[in-house]
Amino acid sequence: MKASLIFQSLVGLVMAVPAADSADALVARQSVVTGKYCSPITQLCYNEYTTQGGSTFRVAVSDAAAGTTFDIAVQLLAPAGQGWVGLSFGGSMTYAPLAVGWPNGQSVTGTVRWANGHTMPTVYSGATLKILPDSGTNGTHYMLSAICTGCSSFPRSGSGTKTLNPSGTFRAAWAQNIQRGSVAQPANPASNFNYHQYFNYFDADLGSAKVPAAQFQAAAALA
């Protein structure tokens, strides 16, 4: 109950989504507002990117992250009553891990998907999500909070590997479906879901999103 109350107080700070059929809604989703957010439950502090359409994306990494493989903490937040929200670590829908979350009653379902084309993304076996306890839903928003293993390095089209720099930036792509009932089986991480209405991009800075390694490990242990 305590965690639920904390979650309700935090997500209430996120602005409401404009009407889906308004011209302003289309324009609003083309920019993000950056900031910082610290979870009172996991103690992780994130870089935050909030779209003016009402979805928010957060990232954090350990200050010990190095090399080609490291975990990334993510939070995906969107207004309640909507379909799903997703974040690509490769700057596009295709040839990159897609972290996707949607509401399932009072909980949230998370999955990592992959698409080789503009078709239904399938479950990606190259990455996993550890769902953190500050994930959840309330009357206004839902949030997927997780640590992704396998999202920092992945194969690209043809040959070669895309590797994120734990001290640099990467182009992130986001997508949002705002229609209730757009996920066929909300409890199933492998469920099909309807196409997004909105998508865009932002540059995520991992260098300024670092947290102490011990803190990152303690949060991961809560999953």
Protein backbone atom coordinates (compact mmCIF):
# COMPACT_ATOMS: atom_id res chain seq x y z
CA MET A 1 0.00 0.00 0.00
CA LYS A 2 2.83 2.40 0.86
CA ALA A 3 4.48 1.88 -2.53
CA SER A 4 1.15 2.45 -4.25
CA LEU A 5 0.67 5.77 -2.44
CA ILE A 6 4.18 6.92 -3.34
CA PHE A 7 3.63 5.99 -6.98
CA GLN A 8 0.33 7.90 -7.06
CA SER A 9 1.95 11.04 -5.67
CA LEU A 10 4.80 10.96 -8.17
CA VAL A 11 2.97 10.29 -11.39
CA GLY A 12 0.48 13.02 -10.61
CA LEU A 13 3.26 15.47 -11.45
CA VAL A 14 3.29 14.36 -15.09
CA MET A 15 1.16 16.47 -17.41
CA ALA A 16 -2.03 15.09 -18.90
CA VAL A 17 -2.24 13.98 -22.52
CA PRO A 18 -4.01 16.33 -24.95
CA ALA A 19 -6.94 15.10 -27.03
CA ALA A 20 -5.76 12.48 -29.52
CA ASP A 21 -7.48 14.14 -32.47
CA SER A 22 -6.17 17.66 -31.91
CA ALA A 23 -3.48 19.21 -34.10
CA ASP A 24 -1.71 20.38 -30.94
CA ALA A 25 -1.35 16.76 -29.82
CA LEU A 26 0.60 15.90 -32.96
CA VAL A 27 2.93 18.86 -32.52
CA ALA A 28 3.36 18.24 -28.79
CA ARG A 29 4.82 14.80 -29.34
CA GLN A 30 7.69 16.24 -31.36
CA SER A 31 9.67 17.57 -28.37
CA VAL A 32 10.76 16.45 -24.93
CA VAL A 33 11.46 18.20 -21.64
CA THR A 34 14.53 16.88 -19.82
CA GLY A 35 15.01 16.56 -16.09
CA LYS A 36 15.99 14.30 -13.21
CA TYR A 37 13.85 11.88 -11.23
CA CYS A 38 14.74 9.75 -8.19
CA SER A 39 12.63 6.77 -7.16
CA PRO A 40 11.86 6.70 -3.42
CA ILE A 41 11.44 2.93 -3.66
CA THR A 42 14.59 1.79 -5.48
CA GLN A 43 16.67 4.94 -4.74
CA LEU A 44 17.75 5.07 -8.38
CA CYS A 45 18.06 8.50 -9.98
CA TYR A 46 17.32 8.79 -13.68
CA ASN A 47 17.69 11.18 -16.55
CA GLU A 48 14.11 11.97 -17.55
CA TYR A 49 12.64 12.80 -20.96
CA THR A 50 8.98 13.85 -20.92
CA THR A 51 7.00 14.28 -24.11
CA GLN A 52 4.37 16.99 -24.15
CA GLY A 53 1.94 14.25 -25.13
CA GLY A 54 2.08 12.76 -21.63
CA SER A 55 4.60 9.90 -21.86
CA THR A 56 7.88 9.91 -19.95
CA PHE A 57 11.07 7.90 -20.45
CA ARG A 58 13.85 7.55 -17.88
CA VAL A 59 17.29 5.94 -18.05
CA ALA A 60 20.09 5.24 -15.57
CA VAL A 61 23.31 3.21 -15.60
CA SER A 62 25.86 2.14 -13.03
CA ASP A 63 28.99 4.29 -12.74
CA ALA A 64 30.90 1.02 -13.13
CA ALA A 65 29.35 0.37 -16.55
CA ALA A 66 32.06 -0.19 -19.13
CA GLY A 67 32.82 -2.10 -22.29
CA THR A 68 30.22 -3.43 -24.67
CA THR A 69 27.75 -5.02 -22.27
CA PHE A 70 26.11 -3.26 -19.34
CA ASP A 71 22.66 -3.08 -17.81
CA ILE A 72 20.37 -0.09 -18.32
CA ALA A 73 17.64 0.89 -15.86
CA VAL A 74 14.56 2.24 -17.63
CA GLN A 75 11.18 3.62 -16.70
CA LEU A 76 8.32 4.01 -19.19
CA LEU A 77 5.38 6.09 -17.99
CA ALA A 78 2.12 6.89 -19.81
CA PRO A 79 -1.44 7.99 -19.00
CA ALA A 80 -3.82 5.37 -17.64
CA GLY A 81 -6.44 4.04 -20.03
CA GLN A 82 -4.03 4.03 -22.96
CA GLY A 83 -2.66 1.05 -24.86
CA TRP A 84 1.13 0.72 -24.59
CA VAL A 85 4.38 2.66 -24.66
CA GLY A 86 7.78 1.64 -25.99
CA LEU A 87 11.42 2.69 -26.16
CA SER A 88 13.98 1.65 -28.79
CA PHE A 89 17.68 1.65 -27.89
CA GLY A 90 18.71 1.87 -31.54
CA GLY A 91 16.94 5.01 -32.72
CA SER A 92 14.37 3.19 -34.84
CA MET A 93 11.75 0.46 -34.65
CA THR A 94 13.89 -1.98 -36.62
CA TYR A 95 17.07 -3.86 -35.70
CA ALA A 96 17.16 -2.74 -32.07
CA PRO A 97 15.78 -3.93 -28.72
CA LEU A 98 12.37 -2.42 -27.98
CA ALA A 99 11.36 -2.18 -24.31
CA VAL A 100 7.55 -2.14 -24.25
CA GLY A 101 5.11 -1.84 -21.36
CA TRP A 102 1.35 -1.79 -20.92
CA PRO A 103 -1.15 -1.86 -18.03
CA ASN A 104 -2.57 -5.16 -16.84
CA GLY A 105 -5.16 -4.37 -14.19
CA GLN A 106 -3.25 -2.93 -11.23
CA SER A 107 0.08 -4.24 -12.52
CA VAL A 108 2.19 -3.62 -15.61
CA THR A 109 3.47 -6.10 -18.18
CA GLY A 110 6.93 -5.57 -19.65
CA THR A 111 8.59 -7.18 -22.65
CA VAL A 112 11.57 -6.74 -24.96
CA ARG A 113 10.73 -7.01 -28.65
CA TRP A 114 12.57 -7.06 -31.99
CA ALA A 115 11.49 -6.17 -35.52
CA ASN A 116 13.33 -6.68 -38.81
CA GLY A 117 10.73 -4.59 -40.61
CA HIS A 118 7.63 -2.54 -39.94
CA THR A 119 5.64 -5.53 -38.73
CA MET A 120 4.55 -6.83 -35.32
CA PRO A 121 7.71 -6.97 -33.16
CA THR A 122 8.34 -10.43 -31.73
CA VAL A 123 9.80 -11.35 -28.36
CA TYR A 124 13.57 -10.75 -28.40
CA SER A 125 15.59 -13.54 -26.79
CA GLY A 126 18.75 -11.42 -26.73
CA ALA A 127 17.58 -9.21 -23.86
CA THR A 128 15.63 -9.55 -20.62
CA LEU A 129 13.82 -7.22 -18.25
CA LYS A 130 14.01 -7.39 -14.47
CA ILE A 131 10.81 -5.71 -13.29
CA LEU A 132 11.37 -3.39 -10.32
CA PRO A 133 8.86 -2.89 -7.48
CA ASP A 134 8.05 0.72 -8.35
CA SER A 135 6.24 -0.51 -11.48
CA GLY A 136 2.47 -0.18 -11.25
CA THR A 137 -0.72 1.64 -12.16
CA ASN A 138 -3.05 4.12 -10.53
CA GLY A 139 -5.97 6.29 -11.58
CA THR A 140 -3.90 8.57 -13.81
CA HIS A 141 -0.82 6.71 -15.09
CA TYR A 142 0.94 3.39 -15.47
CA MET A 143 4.68 2.82 -15.23
CA LEU A 144 7.06 0.05 -16.23
CA SER A 145 10.25 0.22 -14.17
CA ALA A 146 12.89 -2.35 -15.09
CA ILE A 147 16.54 -3.15 -15.67
CA CYS A 148 17.36 -4.32 -19.17
CA THR A 149 20.16 -6.80 -19.72
CA GLY A 150 21.10 -7.05 -23.37
CA CYS A 151 19.91 -3.60 -24.46
CA SER A 152 23.37 -2.01 -24.64
CA SER A 153 24.76 -4.16 -27.48
CA PHE A 154 22.83 -5.78 -30.33
CA PRO A 155 23.17 -6.89 -33.96
CA ARG A 156 22.30 -4.51 -36.76
CA SER A 157 20.97 -5.12 -40.27
CA GLY A 158 23.35 -7.10 -42.44
CA SER A 159 26.43 -7.50 -40.30
CA GLY A 160 28.03 -5.76 -37.37
CA THR A 161 26.97 -4.86 -33.85
CA LYS A 162 25.63 -1.64 -32.37
CA THR A 163 27.18 -0.91 -28.97
CA LEU A 164 26.07 1.95 -26.73
CA ASN A 165 28.64 4.07 -24.93
CA PRO A 166 28.02 4.11 -21.15
CA SER A 167 29.63 7.55 -21.01
CA GLY A 168 28.00 8.95 -24.14
CA THR A 169 24.63 9.55 -25.75
CA PHE A 170 22.43 7.42 -27.95
CA ARG A 171 19.50 8.20 -30.21
CA ALA A 172 16.37 6.76 -28.62
CA ALA A 173 13.10 6.24 -30.46
CA TRP A 174 9.79 6.13 -28.62
CA ALA A 175 6.29 5.07 -29.58
CA GLN A 176 2.90 5.37 -27.93
CA ASN A 177 -0.50 3.78 -28.52
CA ILE A 178 -3.23 5.79 -26.81
CA GLN A 179 -6.19 3.47 -27.39
CA ARG A 180 -7.62 1.37 -24.59
CA GLY A 181 -7.75 -2.34 -25.40
CA SER A 182 -4.99 -2.23 -28.00
CA VAL A 183 -3.13 -5.15 -26.37
CA ALA A 184 -4.76 -8.52 -27.13
CA GLN A 185 -3.68 -10.31 -23.92
CA PRO A 186 -2.49 -7.81 -21.29
CA ALA A 187 -1.12 -10.48 -18.93
CA ASN A 188 0.99 -12.09 -21.65
CA PRO A 189 4.43 -10.54 -22.40
CA ALA A 190 4.29 -12.20 -25.83
CA SER A 191 0.91 -10.70 -26.73
CA ASN A 192 0.20 -8.99 -30.02
CA PHE A 193 -0.68 -5.29 -29.85
CA ASN A 194 -1.99 -2.65 -32.20
CA TYR A 195 0.12 -0.15 -34.12
CA HIS A 196 1.25 3.09 -32.44
CA GLN A 197 -0.35 6.44 -33.28
CA TYR A 198 2.65 8.53 -32.20
CA PHE A 199 6.42 8.17 -32.27
CA ASN A 200 9.52 10.35 -32.23
CA TYR A 201 13.12 10.55 -31.06
CA PHE A 202 15.39 12.08 -28.45
CA ASP A 203 19.07 11.87 -27.51
CA ALA A 204 19.53 10.01 -24.22
CA ASP A 205 22.65 10.95 -22.26
CA LEU A 206 24.05 7.99 -20.34
CA GLY A 207 27.13 9.88 -19.19
CA SER A 208 25.03 12.09 -16.92
CA ALA A 209 22.67 9.25 -15.95
CA LYS A 210 25.18 7.33 -13.84
CA VAL A 211 24.45 6.23 -10.28
CA PRO A 212 26.78 4.54 -7.75
CA ALA A 213 27.40 0.89 -8.61
CA ALA A 214 26.32 -0.33 -5.17
CA GLN A 215 23.05 1.57 -5.49
CA PHE A 216 22.40 0.12 -8.94
CA GLN A 217 23.11 -3.41 -7.71
CA ALA A 218 20.85 -2.95 -4.68
CA ALA A 219 17.99 -1.82 -6.95
CA ALA A 220 18.52 -4.81 -9.26
CA ALA A 221 18.29 -7.12 -6.26
CA LEU A 222 14.74 -5.86 -5.65
CA ALA A 223 13.52 -7.36 -8.93
